[in-house]
Full PDB file with SEQRES, HELIX, SHEET, SSBOND, CRYST1, ORIGX, SCALE, CONECT and MASTER records, all heavy atoms in Angstrom:
SEQRES   1 A   35  ARG ASP ASN ALA LYS ASN MET LEU TYR LEU GLN MET ASN          
SEQRES   2 A   35  ASP LEU LYS PRO GLU ASP THR ALA VAL TYR TYR CYS LYS          
SEQRES   3 A   35  GLN GLU TRP PRO THR SER SER TRP GLY                          
HELIX    1 AA1 PRO A   17  ASP A   19  5                                   3    
SHEET    1 AA1 2 LYS A  26  GLN A  27  0                                        
SHEET    2 AA1 2 SER A  33  TRP A  34 -1                                        
CRYST1    1.000    1.000    1.000  90.00  90.00  90.00 P 1           1          
ORIGX1      1.000000  0.000000  0.000000        0.00000                         
ORIGX2      0.000000  1.000000  0.000000        0.00000                         
ORIGX3      0.000000  0.000000  1.000000        0.00000                         
SCALE1      1.000000  0.000000  0.000000        0.00000                         
SCALE2      0.000000  1.000000  0.000000        0.00000                         
SCALE3      0.000000  0.000000  1.000000        0.00000                         
ATOM      1  N   ARG A   1     -18.317 -11.558   1.857  1.00  0.00           N  
ATOM      2  CA  ARG A   1     -17.140 -10.890   1.315  1.00  0.00           C  
ATOM      3  C   ARG A   1     -16.673  -9.811   2.270  1.00  0.00           C  
ATOM      4  O   ARG A   1     -17.476  -9.251   3.043  1.00  0.00           O  
ATOM      5  CB  ARG A   1     -17.449 -10.291  -0.060  1.00  0.00           C  
ATOM      6  CG  ARG A   1     -18.479  -9.181  -0.048  1.00  0.00           C  
ATOM      7  CD  ARG A   1     -18.952  -8.843  -1.468  1.00  0.00           C  
ATOM      8  NE  ARG A   1     -17.864  -8.366  -2.304  1.00  0.00           N  
ATOM      9  CZ  ARG A   1     -17.921  -8.321  -3.636  1.00  0.00           C  
ATOM     10  NH1 ARG A   1     -19.030  -8.722  -4.269  1.00  0.00           N  
ATOM     11  NH2 ARG A   1     -16.889  -7.864  -4.330  1.00  0.00           N  
ATOM     12  N   ASP A   2     -15.374  -9.531   2.202  1.00  0.00           N  
ATOM     13  CA  ASP A   2     -14.772  -8.439   2.953  1.00  0.00           C  
ATOM     14  C   ASP A   2     -13.998  -7.592   1.947  1.00  0.00           C  
ATOM     15  O   ASP A   2     -12.877  -7.945   1.580  1.00  0.00           O  
ATOM     16  CB  ASP A   2     -13.860  -8.995   4.053  1.00  0.00           C  
ATOM     17  CG  ASP A   2     -13.286  -7.908   4.939  1.00  0.00           C  
ATOM     18  OD1 ASP A   2     -13.217  -6.735   4.501  1.00  0.00           O  
ATOM     19  OD2 ASP A   2     -12.886  -8.219   6.064  1.00  0.00           O  
ATOM     20  N   ASN A   3     -14.602  -6.516   1.517  1.00  0.00           N  
ATOM     21  CA  ASN A   3     -13.970  -5.699   0.481  1.00  0.00           C  
ATOM     22  C   ASN A   3     -12.698  -5.011   0.978  1.00  0.00           C  
ATOM     23  O   ASN A   3     -11.781  -4.747   0.196  1.00  0.00           O  
ATOM     24  CB  ASN A   3     -14.957  -4.663  -0.052  1.00  0.00           C  
ATOM     25  CG  ASN A   3     -16.054  -5.272  -0.900  1.00  0.00           C  
ATOM     26  OD1 ASN A   3     -15.926  -6.394  -1.386  1.00  0.00           O  
ATOM     27  ND2 ASN A   3     -17.146  -4.547  -1.064  1.00  0.00           N  
ATOM     28  N   ALA A   4     -12.649  -4.714   2.262  1.00  0.00           N  
ATOM     29  CA  ALA A   4     -11.455  -4.074   2.809  1.00  0.00           C  
ATOM     30  C   ALA A   4     -10.239  -4.986   2.714  1.00  0.00           C  
ATOM     31  O   ALA A   4      -9.101  -4.515   2.604  1.00  0.00           O  
ATOM     32  CB  ALA A   4     -11.698  -3.669   4.258  1.00  0.00           C  
ATOM     33  N   LYS A   5     -10.483  -6.294   2.775  1.00  0.00           N  
ATOM     34  CA  LYS A   5      -9.398  -7.273   2.698  1.00  0.00           C  
ATOM     35  C   LYS A   5      -9.310  -7.960   1.340  1.00  0.00           C  
ATOM     36  O   LYS A   5      -8.462  -8.834   1.150  1.00  0.00           O  
ATOM     37  CB  LYS A   5      -9.578  -8.338   3.784  1.00  0.00           C  
ATOM     38  CG  LYS A   5      -9.496  -7.788   5.199  1.00  0.00           C  
ATOM     39  CD  LYS A   5      -9.668  -8.905   6.219  1.00  0.00           C  
ATOM     40  CE  LYS A   5      -9.543  -8.359   7.632  1.00  0.00           C  
ATOM     41  NZ  LYS A   5      -9.712  -9.438   8.647  1.00  0.00           N  
ATOM     42  N   ASN A   6     -10.177  -7.600   0.414  1.00  0.00           N  
ATOM     43  CA  ASN A   6     -10.232  -8.268  -0.900  1.00  0.00           C  
ATOM     44  C   ASN A   6     -10.405  -9.773  -0.749  1.00  0.00           C  
ATOM     45  O   ASN A   6      -9.694 -10.565  -1.388  1.00  0.00           O  
ATOM     46  CB  ASN A   6      -8.973  -7.965  -1.721  1.00  0.00           C  
ATOM     47  CG  ASN A   6      -9.034  -6.617  -2.413  1.00  0.00           C  
ATOM     48  OD1 ASN A   6      -9.945  -5.825  -2.158  1.00  0.00           O  
ATOM     49  ND2 ASN A   6      -8.078  -6.336  -3.272  1.00  0.00           N  
ATOM     50  N   MET A   7     -11.356 -10.166   0.101  1.00  0.00           N  
ATOM     51  CA  MET A   7     -11.560 -11.578   0.392  1.00  0.00           C  
ATOM     52  C   MET A   7     -13.005 -11.982   0.153  1.00  0.00           C  
ATOM     53  O   MET A   7     -13.955 -11.239   0.446  1.00  0.00           O  
ATOM     54  CB  MET A   7     -11.211 -11.885   1.840  1.00  0.00           C  
ATOM     55  CG  MET A   7      -9.742 -11.713   2.194  1.00  0.00           C  
ATOM     56  SD  MET A   7      -8.670 -12.934   1.385  1.00  0.00           S  
ATOM     57  CE  MET A   7      -9.217 -14.451   2.179  1.00  0.00           C  
ATOM     58  N   LEU A   8     -13.162 -13.192  -0.368  1.00  0.00           N  
ATOM     59  CA  LEU A   8     -14.455 -13.841  -0.547  1.00  0.00           C  
ATOM     60  C   LEU A   8     -14.443 -15.101   0.308  1.00  0.00           C  
ATOM     61  O   LEU A   8     -13.409 -15.778   0.381  1.00  0.00           O  
ATOM     62  CB  LEU A   8     -14.678 -14.189  -2.012  1.00  0.00           C  
ATOM     63  CG  LEU A   8     -15.985 -14.879  -2.377  1.00  0.00           C  
ATOM     64  CD1 LEU A   8     -17.145 -13.893  -2.294  1.00  0.00           C  
ATOM     65  CD2 LEU A   8     -15.893 -15.469  -3.781  1.00  0.00           C  
ATOM     66  N   TYR A   9     -15.576 -15.423   0.929  1.00  0.00           N  
ATOM     67  CA  TYR A   9     -15.648 -16.582   1.824  1.00  0.00           C  
ATOM     68  C   TYR A   9     -16.849 -17.457   1.476  1.00  0.00           C  
ATOM     69  O   TYR A   9     -17.856 -16.984   0.954  1.00  0.00           O  
ATOM     70  CB  TYR A   9     -15.786 -16.128   3.277  1.00  0.00           C  
ATOM     71  CG  TYR A   9     -14.675 -15.238   3.752  1.00  0.00           C  
ATOM     72  CD1 TYR A   9     -14.868 -13.867   3.886  1.00  0.00           C  
ATOM     73  CD2 TYR A   9     -13.419 -15.769   4.069  1.00  0.00           C  
ATOM     74  CE1 TYR A   9     -13.848 -13.042   4.321  1.00  0.00           C  
ATOM     75  CE2 TYR A   9     -12.395 -14.944   4.513  1.00  0.00           C  
ATOM     76  CZ  TYR A   9     -12.620 -13.582   4.637  1.00  0.00           C  
ATOM     77  OH  TYR A   9     -11.607 -12.769   5.073  1.00  0.00           O  
ATOM     78  N   LEU A  10     -16.715 -18.731   1.823  1.00  0.00           N  
ATOM     79  CA  LEU A  10     -17.837 -19.650   1.758  1.00  0.00           C  
ATOM     80  C   LEU A  10     -17.824 -20.471   3.044  1.00  0.00           C  
ATOM     81  O   LEU A  10     -16.943 -21.305   3.240  1.00  0.00           O  
ATOM     82  CB  LEU A  10     -17.757 -20.560   0.538  1.00  0.00           C  
ATOM     83  CG  LEU A  10     -18.954 -21.489   0.350  1.00  0.00           C  
ATOM     84  CD1 LEU A  10     -20.207 -20.681  -0.007  1.00  0.00           C  
ATOM     85  CD2 LEU A  10     -18.676 -22.537  -0.728  1.00  0.00           C  
ATOM     86  N   GLN A  11     -18.770 -20.199   3.924  1.00  0.00           N  
ATOM     87  CA  GLN A  11     -18.932 -20.976   5.144  1.00  0.00           C  
ATOM     88  C   GLN A  11     -19.810 -22.173   4.841  1.00  0.00           C  
ATOM     89  O   GLN A  11     -20.951 -22.001   4.386  1.00  0.00           O  
ATOM     90  CB  GLN A  11     -19.552 -20.119   6.244  1.00  0.00           C  
ATOM     91  CG  GLN A  11     -19.784 -20.870   7.549  1.00  0.00           C  
ATOM     92  CD  GLN A  11     -18.492 -21.304   8.207  1.00  0.00           C  
ATOM     93  OE1 GLN A  11     -17.533 -20.543   8.293  1.00  0.00           O  
ATOM     94  NE2 GLN A  11     -18.470 -22.538   8.703  1.00  0.00           N  
ATOM     95  N   MET A  12     -19.290 -23.355   5.088  1.00  0.00           N  
ATOM     96  CA  MET A  12     -20.001 -24.587   4.775  1.00  0.00           C  
ATOM     97  C   MET A  12     -20.243 -25.371   6.057  1.00  0.00           C  
ATOM     98  O   MET A  12     -19.280 -25.772   6.721  1.00  0.00           O  
ATOM     99  CB  MET A  12     -19.195 -25.433   3.780  1.00  0.00           C  
ATOM    100  CG  MET A  12     -18.812 -24.671   2.520  1.00  0.00           C  
ATOM    101  SD  MET A  12     -18.024 -25.706   1.284  1.00  0.00           S  
ATOM    102  CE  MET A  12     -16.520 -26.161   2.135  1.00  0.00           C  
ATOM    103  N   ASN A  13     -21.492 -25.556   6.401  1.00  0.00           N  
ATOM    104  CA  ASN A  13     -21.876 -26.297   7.600  1.00  0.00           C  
ATOM    105  C   ASN A  13     -22.653 -27.552   7.228  1.00  0.00           C  
ATOM    106  O   ASN A  13     -23.188 -27.656   6.122  1.00  0.00           O  
ATOM    107  CB  ASN A  13     -22.736 -25.408   8.504  1.00  0.00           C  
ATOM    108  CG  ASN A  13     -22.005 -24.171   8.989  1.00  0.00           C  
ATOM    109  OD1 ASN A  13     -20.794 -24.180   9.195  1.00  0.00           O  
ATOM    110  ND2 ASN A  13     -22.744 -23.086   9.170  1.00  0.00           N  
ATOM    111  N   ASP A  14     -22.716 -28.478   8.172  1.00  0.00           N  
ATOM    112  CA  ASP A  14     -23.461 -29.719   7.964  1.00  0.00           C  
ATOM    113  C   ASP A  14     -23.086 -30.367   6.636  1.00  0.00           C  
ATOM    114  O   ASP A  14     -23.957 -30.707   5.815  1.00  0.00           O  
ATOM    115  CB  ASP A  14     -24.964 -29.447   8.027  1.00  0.00           C  
ATOM    116  CG  ASP A  14     -25.791 -30.719   8.051  1.00  0.00           C  
ATOM    117  OD1 ASP A  14     -25.258 -31.770   8.454  1.00  0.00           O  
ATOM    118  OD2 ASP A  14     -26.971 -30.672   7.646  1.00  0.00           O  
ATOM    119  N   LEU A  15     -21.804 -30.520   6.424  1.00  0.00           N  
ATOM    120  CA  LEU A  15     -21.322 -31.049   5.145  1.00  0.00           C  
ATOM    121  C   LEU A  15     -21.756 -32.492   4.951  1.00  0.00           C  
ATOM    122  O   LEU A  15     -21.837 -33.290   5.902  1.00  0.00           O  
ATOM    123  CB  LEU A  15     -19.814 -30.924   5.069  1.00  0.00           C  
ATOM    124  CG  LEU A  15     -19.338 -29.501   4.740  1.00  0.00           C  
ATOM    125  CD1 LEU A  15     -17.894 -29.293   5.173  1.00  0.00           C  
ATOM    126  CD2 LEU A  15     -19.493 -29.231   3.251  1.00  0.00           C  
ATOM    127  N   LYS A  16     -22.027 -32.820   3.689  1.00  0.00           N  
ATOM    128  CA  LYS A  16     -22.486 -34.159   3.303  1.00  0.00           C  
ATOM    129  C   LYS A  16     -21.508 -34.747   2.288  1.00  0.00           C  
ATOM    130  O   LYS A  16     -20.810 -33.994   1.590  1.00  0.00           O  
ATOM    131  CB  LYS A  16     -23.877 -34.064   2.683  1.00  0.00           C  
ATOM    132  CG  LYS A  16     -24.906 -33.366   3.562  1.00  0.00           C  
ATOM    133  CD  LYS A  16     -26.230 -33.236   2.854  1.00  0.00           C  
ATOM    134  CE  LYS A  16     -27.238 -32.429   3.659  1.00  0.00           C  
ATOM    135  NZ  LYS A  16     -27.545 -33.029   4.968  1.00  0.00           N  
ATOM    136  N   PRO A  17     -21.468 -36.065   2.170  1.00  0.00           N  
ATOM    137  CA  PRO A  17     -20.563 -36.672   1.172  1.00  0.00           C  
ATOM    138  C   PRO A  17     -20.777 -36.123  -0.237  1.00  0.00           C  
ATOM    139  O   PRO A  17     -19.806 -35.980  -0.991  1.00  0.00           O  
ATOM    140  CB  PRO A  17     -20.902 -38.162   1.269  1.00  0.00           C  
ATOM    141  CG  PRO A  17     -21.354 -38.341   2.682  1.00  0.00           C  
ATOM    142  CD  PRO A  17     -22.102 -37.090   3.021  1.00  0.00           C  
ATOM    143  N   GLU A  18     -22.002 -35.775  -0.573  1.00  0.00           N  
ATOM    144  CA  GLU A  18     -22.273 -35.243  -1.914  1.00  0.00           C  
ATOM    145  C   GLU A  18     -21.740 -33.822  -2.121  1.00  0.00           C  
ATOM    146  O   GLU A  18     -21.796 -33.300  -3.238  1.00  0.00           O  
ATOM    147  CB  GLU A  18     -23.774 -35.283  -2.226  1.00  0.00           C  
ATOM    148  CG  GLU A  18     -24.656 -34.631  -1.183  1.00  0.00           C  
ATOM    149  CD  GLU A  18     -25.229 -35.640  -0.190  1.00  0.00           C  
ATOM    150  OE1 GLU A  18     -24.509 -36.584   0.210  1.00  0.00           O  
ATOM    151  OE2 GLU A  18     -26.415 -35.460   0.186  1.00  0.00           O  
ATOM    152  N   ASP A  19     -21.219 -33.209  -1.066  1.00  0.00           N  
ATOM    153  CA  ASP A  19     -20.564 -31.901  -1.213  1.00  0.00           C  
ATOM    154  C   ASP A  19     -19.109 -32.053  -1.652  1.00  0.00           C  
ATOM    155  O   ASP A  19     -18.438 -31.042  -1.917  1.00  0.00           O  
ATOM    156  CB  ASP A  19     -20.610 -31.127   0.105  1.00  0.00           C  
ATOM    157  CG  ASP A  19     -22.021 -30.776   0.534  1.00  0.00           C  
ATOM    158  OD1 ASP A  19     -22.831 -30.386  -0.344  1.00  0.00           O  
ATOM    159  OD2 ASP A  19     -22.321 -30.883   1.740  1.00  0.00           O  
ATOM    160  N   THR A  20     -18.614 -33.271  -1.721  1.00  0.00           N  
ATOM    161  CA  THR A  20     -17.247 -33.515  -2.152  1.00  0.00           C  
ATOM    162  C   THR A  20     -17.048 -33.021  -3.579  1.00  0.00           C  
ATOM    163  O   THR A  20     -17.795 -33.400  -4.490  1.00  0.00           O  
ATOM    164  CB  THR A  20     -16.910 -35.003  -2.071  1.00  0.00           C  
ATOM    165  OG1 THR A  20     -16.952 -35.417  -0.693  1.00  0.00           O  
ATOM    166  CG2 THR A  20     -15.537 -35.287  -2.648  1.00  0.00           C  
ATOM    167  N   ALA A  21     -16.062 -32.147  -3.761  1.00  0.00           N  
ATOM    168  CA  ALA A  21     -15.824 -31.536  -5.072  1.00  0.00           C  
ATOM    169  C   ALA A  21     -14.606 -30.632  -4.972  1.00  0.00           C  
ATOM    170  O   ALA A  21     -14.108 -30.357  -3.873  1.00  0.00           O  
ATOM    171  CB  ALA A  21     -17.032 -30.709  -5.518  1.00  0.00           C  
ATOM    172  N   VAL A  22     -14.163 -30.166  -6.123  1.00  0.00           N  
ATOM    173  CA  VAL A  22     -13.222 -29.056  -6.164  1.00  0.00           C  
ATOM    174  C   VAL A  22     -14.040 -27.768  -6.200  1.00  0.00           C  
ATOM    175  O   VAL A  22     -14.949 -27.634  -7.031  1.00  0.00           O  
ATOM    176  CB  VAL A  22     -12.285 -29.133  -7.380  1.00  0.00           C  
ATOM    177  CG1 VAL A  22     -11.348 -27.935  -7.404  1.00  0.00           C  
ATOM    178  CG2 VAL A  22     -11.492 -30.434  -7.358  1.00  0.00           C  
ATOM    179  N   TYR A  23     -13.738 -26.859  -5.303  1.00  0.00           N  
ATOM    180  CA  TYR A  23     -14.471 -25.598  -5.194  1.00  0.00           C  
ATOM    181  C   TYR A  23     -13.643 -24.470  -5.803  1.00  0.00           C  
ATOM    182  O   TYR A  23     -12.446 -24.329  -5.502  1.00  0.00           O  
ATOM    183  CB  TYR A  23     -14.795 -25.310  -3.736  1.00  0.00           C  
ATOM    184  CG  TYR A  23     -15.920 -26.158  -3.210  1.00  0.00           C  
ATOM    185  CD1 TYR A  23     -15.746 -27.510  -2.976  1.00  0.00           C  
ATOM    186  CD2 TYR A  23     -17.180 -25.610  -2.982  1.00  0.00           C  
ATOM    187  CE1 TYR A  23     -16.792 -28.303  -2.517  1.00  0.00           C  
ATOM    188  CE2 TYR A  23     -18.236 -26.386  -2.516  1.00  0.00           C  
ATOM    189  CZ  TYR A  23     -18.029 -27.733  -2.292  1.00  0.00           C  
ATOM    190  OH  TYR A  23     -19.069 -28.517  -1.840  1.00  0.00           O  
ATOM    191  N   TYR A  24     -14.313 -23.687  -6.639  1.00  0.00           N  
ATOM    192  CA  TYR A  24     -13.656 -22.603  -7.356  1.00  0.00           C  
ATOM    193  C   TYR A  24     -14.294 -21.267  -7.022  1.00  0.00           C  
ATOM    194  O   TYR A  24     -15.519 -21.140  -6.934  1.00  0.00           O  
ATOM    195  CB  TYR A  24     -13.783 -22.808  -8.870  1.00  0.00           C  
ATOM    196  CG  TYR A  24     -13.122 -24.046  -9.388  1.00  0.00           C  
ATOM    197  CD1 TYR A  24     -13.816 -25.243  -9.474  1.00  0.00           C  
ATOM    198  CD2 TYR A  24     -11.793 -24.018  -9.836  1.00  0.00           C  
ATOM    199  CE1 TYR A  24     -13.215 -26.389  -9.962  1.00  0.00           C  
ATOM    200  CE2 TYR A  24     -11.189 -25.158 -10.334  1.00  0.00           C  
ATOM    201  CZ  TYR A  24     -11.903 -26.336 -10.386  1.00  0.00           C  
ATOM    202  OH  TYR A  24     -11.303 -27.464 -10.881  1.00  0.00           O  
ATOM    203  N   CYS A  25     -13.469 -20.281  -6.921  1.00  0.00           N  
ATOM    204  CA  CYS A  25     -13.886 -18.905  -6.779  1.00  0.00           C  
ATOM    205  C   CYS A  25     -13.902 -18.279  -8.175  1.00  0.00           C  
ATOM    206  O   CYS A  25     -13.026 -18.567  -8.997  1.00  0.00           O  
ATOM    207  CB  CYS A  25     -12.861 -18.211  -5.869  1.00  0.00           C  
ATOM    208  SG  CYS A  25     -12.977 -16.453  -5.706  1.00  0.00           S  
ATOM    209  N   LYS A  26     -14.883 -17.448  -8.441  1.00  0.00           N  
ATOM    210  CA  LYS A  26     -14.979 -16.831  -9.762  1.00  0.00           C  
ATOM    211  C   LYS A  26     -15.379 -15.363  -9.665  1.00  0.00           C  
ATOM    212  O   LYS A  26     -16.309 -15.016  -8.933  1.00  0.00           O  
ATOM    213  CB  LYS A  26     -16.005 -17.545 -10.632  1.00  0.00           C  
ATOM    214  CG  LYS A  26     -16.078 -16.991 -12.056  1.00  0.00           C  
ATOM    215  CD  LYS A  26     -17.200 -17.619 -12.852  1.00  0.00           C  
ATOM    216  CE  LYS A  26     -17.237 -17.054 -14.272  1.00  0.00           C  
ATOM    217  NZ  LYS A  26     -18.415 -17.525 -15.035  1.00  0.00           N  
ATOM    218  N   GLN A  27     -14.657 -14.533 -10.397  1.00  0.00           N  
ATOM    219  CA  GLN A  27     -15.120 -13.180 -10.647  1.00  0.00           C  
ATOM    220  C   GLN A  27     -16.086 -13.253 -11.818  1.00  0.00           C  
ATOM    221  O   GLN A  27     -15.726 -13.721 -12.903  1.00  0.00           O  
ATOM    222  CB  GLN A  27     -13.964 -12.248 -10.988  1.00  0.00           C  
ATOM    223  CG  GLN A  27     -14.393 -10.819 -11.264  1.00  0.00           C  
ATOM    224  CD  GLN A  27     -13.315 -10.010 -11.974  1.00  0.00           C  
ATOM    225  OE1 GLN A  27     -12.465 -10.565 -12.674  1.00  0.00           O  
ATOM    226  NE2 GLN A  27     -13.326  -8.706 -11.778  1.00  0.00           N  
ATOM    227  N   GLU A  28     -17.338 -12.782 -11.603  1.00  0.00           N  
ATOM    228  CA  GLU A  28     -18.357 -12.942 -12.625  1.00  0.00           C  
ATOM    229  C   GLU A  28     -18.604 -11.667 -13.421  1.00  0.00           C  
ATOM    230  O   GLU A  28     -19.084 -11.721 -14.552  1.00  0.00           O  
ATOM    231  CB  GLU A  28     -19.651 -13.427 -11.977  1.00  0.00           C  
ATOM    232  CG  GLU A  28     -19.498 -14.779 -11.288  1.00  0.00           C  
ATOM    233  CD  GLU A  28     -20.823 -15.391 -10.941  1.00  0.00           C  
ATOM    234  OE1 GLU A  28     -21.675 -14.704 -10.365  1.00  0.00           O  
ATOM    235  OE2 GLU A  28     -21.005 -16.594 -11.240  1.00  0.00           O  
ATOM    236  N   TRP A  29     -18.348 -10.541 -12.841  1.00  0.00           N  
ATOM    237  CA  TRP A  29     -18.568  -9.246 -13.491  1.00  0.00           C  
ATOM    238  C   TRP A  29     -17.723  -8.226 -12.798  1.00  0.00           C  
ATOM    239  O   TRP A  29     -17.599  -8.285 -11.561  1.00  0.00           O  
ATOM    240  CB  TRP A  29     -20.068  -8.852 -13.375  1.00  0.00           C  
ATOM    241  CG  TRP A  29     -20.387  -7.556 -14.064  1.00  0.00           C  
ATOM    242  CD1 TRP A  29     -20.775  -7.380 -15.359  1.00  0.00           C  
ATOM    243  CD2 TRP A  29     -20.313  -6.253 -13.473  1.00  0.00           C  
ATOM    244  NE1 TRP A  29     -20.966  -6.055 -15.600  1.00  0.00           N  
ATOM    245  CE2 TRP A  29     -20.680  -5.328 -14.480  1.00  0.00           C  
ATOM    246  CE3 TRP A  29     -19.961  -5.769 -12.226  1.00  0.00           C  
ATOM    247  CZ2 TRP A  29     -20.727  -3.955 -14.251  1.00  0.00           C  
ATOM    248  CZ3 TRP A  29     -19.990  -4.399 -11.987  1.00  0.00           C  
ATOM    249  CH2 TRP A  29     -20.367  -3.510 -13.000  1.00  0.00           C  
ATOM    250  N   PRO A  30     -17.099  -7.289 -13.487  1.00  0.00           N  
ATOM    251  CA  PRO A  30     -17.293  -6.948 -14.901  1.00  0.00           C  
ATOM    252  C   PRO A  30     -16.486  -7.789 -15.881  1.00  0.00           C  
ATOM    253  O   PRO A  30     -16.737  -7.740 -17.086  1.00  0.00           O  
ATOM    254  CB  PRO A  30     -16.854  -5.481 -14.956  1.00  0.00           C  
ATOM    255  CG  PRO A  30     -15.847  -5.362 -13.862  1.00  0.00           C  
ATOM    256  CD  PRO A  30     -16.313  -6.275 -12.770  1.00  0.00           C  
ATOM    257  N   THR A  31     -15.499  -8.528 -15.342  1.00  0.00           N  
ATOM    258  CA  THR A  31     -14.777  -9.464 -16.206  1.00  0.00           C  
ATOM    259  C   THR A  31     -14.851 -10.832 -15.558  1.00  0.00           C  
ATOM    260  O   THR A  31     -15.321 -10.979 -14.428  1.00  0.00           O  
ATOM    261  CB  THR A  31     -13.313  -9.038 -16.408  1.00  0.00           C  
ATOM    262  OG1 THR A  31     -12.669  -8.940 -15.135  1.00  0.00           O  
ATOM    263  CG2 THR A  31     -13.238  -7.689 -17.110  1.00  0.00           C  
ATOM    264  N   SER A  32     -14.392 -11.836 -16.256  1.00  0.00           N  
ATOM    265  CA  SER A  32     -14.471 -13.204 -15.771  1.00  0.00           C  
ATOM    266  C   SER A  32     -13.084 -13.728 -15.462  1.00  0.00           C  
ATOM    267  O   SER A  32     -12.168 -13.614 -16.274  1.00  0.00           O  
ATOM    268  CB  SER A  32     -15.139 -14.089 -16.829  1.00  0.00           C  
ATOM    269  OG  SER A  32     -15.208 -15.427 -16.369  1.00  0.00           O  
ATOM    270  N   SER A  33     -12.960 -14.304 -14.258  1.00  0.00           N  
ATOM    271  CA  SER A  33     -11.684 -14.868 -13.850  1.00  0.00           C  
ATOM    272  C   SER A  33     -11.941 -15.996 -12.862  1.00  0.00           C  
ATOM    273  O   SER A  33     -12.823 -15.888 -12.012  1.00  0.00           O  
ATOM    274  CB  SER A  33     -10.824 -13.776 -13.194  1.00  0.00           C  
ATOM    275  OG  SER A  33      -9.594 -14.286 -12.754  1.00  0.00           O  
ATOM    276  N   TRP A  34     -11.154 -17.075 -12.973  1.00  0.00           N  
ATOM    277  CA  TRP A  34     -11.294 -18.234 -12.099  1.00  0.00           C  
ATOM    278  C   TRP A  34     -10.061 -18.409 -11.231  1.00  0.00           C  
ATOM    279  O   TRP A  34      -8.942 -18.128 -11.676  1.00  0.00           O  
ATOM    280  CB  TRP A  34     -11.468 -19.511 -12.919  1.00  0.00           C  
ATOM    281  CG  TRP A  34     -12.754 -19.653 -13.641  1.00  0.00           C  
ATOM    282  CD1 TRP A  34     -13.009 -19.279 -14.933  1.00  0.00           C  
ATOM    283  CD2 TRP A  34     -13.966 -20.237 -13.153  1.00  0.00           C  
ATOM    284  NE1 TRP A  34     -14.308 -19.583 -15.268  1.00  0.00           N  
ATOM    285  CE2 TRP A  34     -14.916 -20.183 -14.191  1.00  0.00           C  
ATOM    286  CE3 TRP A  34     -14.347 -20.799 -11.930  1.00  0.00           C  
ATOM    287  CZ2 TRP A  34     -16.218 -20.667 -14.050  1.00  0.00           C  
ATOM    288  CZ3 TRP A  34     -15.640 -21.283 -11.788  1.00  0.00           C  
ATOM    289  CH2 TRP A  34     -16.564 -21.205 -12.834  1.00  0.00           C  
ATOM    290  N   GLY A  35     -10.255 -18.924 -10.027  1.00  0.00           N  
ATOM    291  CA  GLY A  35      -9.155 -19.398  -9.226  1.00  0.00           C  
ATOM    292  C   GLY A  35      -8.773 -20.798  -9.652  1.00  0.00           C  
ATOM    293  O   GLY A  35      -9.385 -21.395 -10.551  1.00  0.00           O  
TER     294      GLY A  35                                                      
MASTER        0    0    0    1    2    0    0    6  293    1    0    3          
END                                                                             
């Protein structure tokens, strides 16, 4: 995460076919919110 930019990241390496999916970002606390 980069709090100065209000950004969350997920670096994914060595991807496999089983990683195929829709990926969601979520605020988990103090409240809940989905992208």
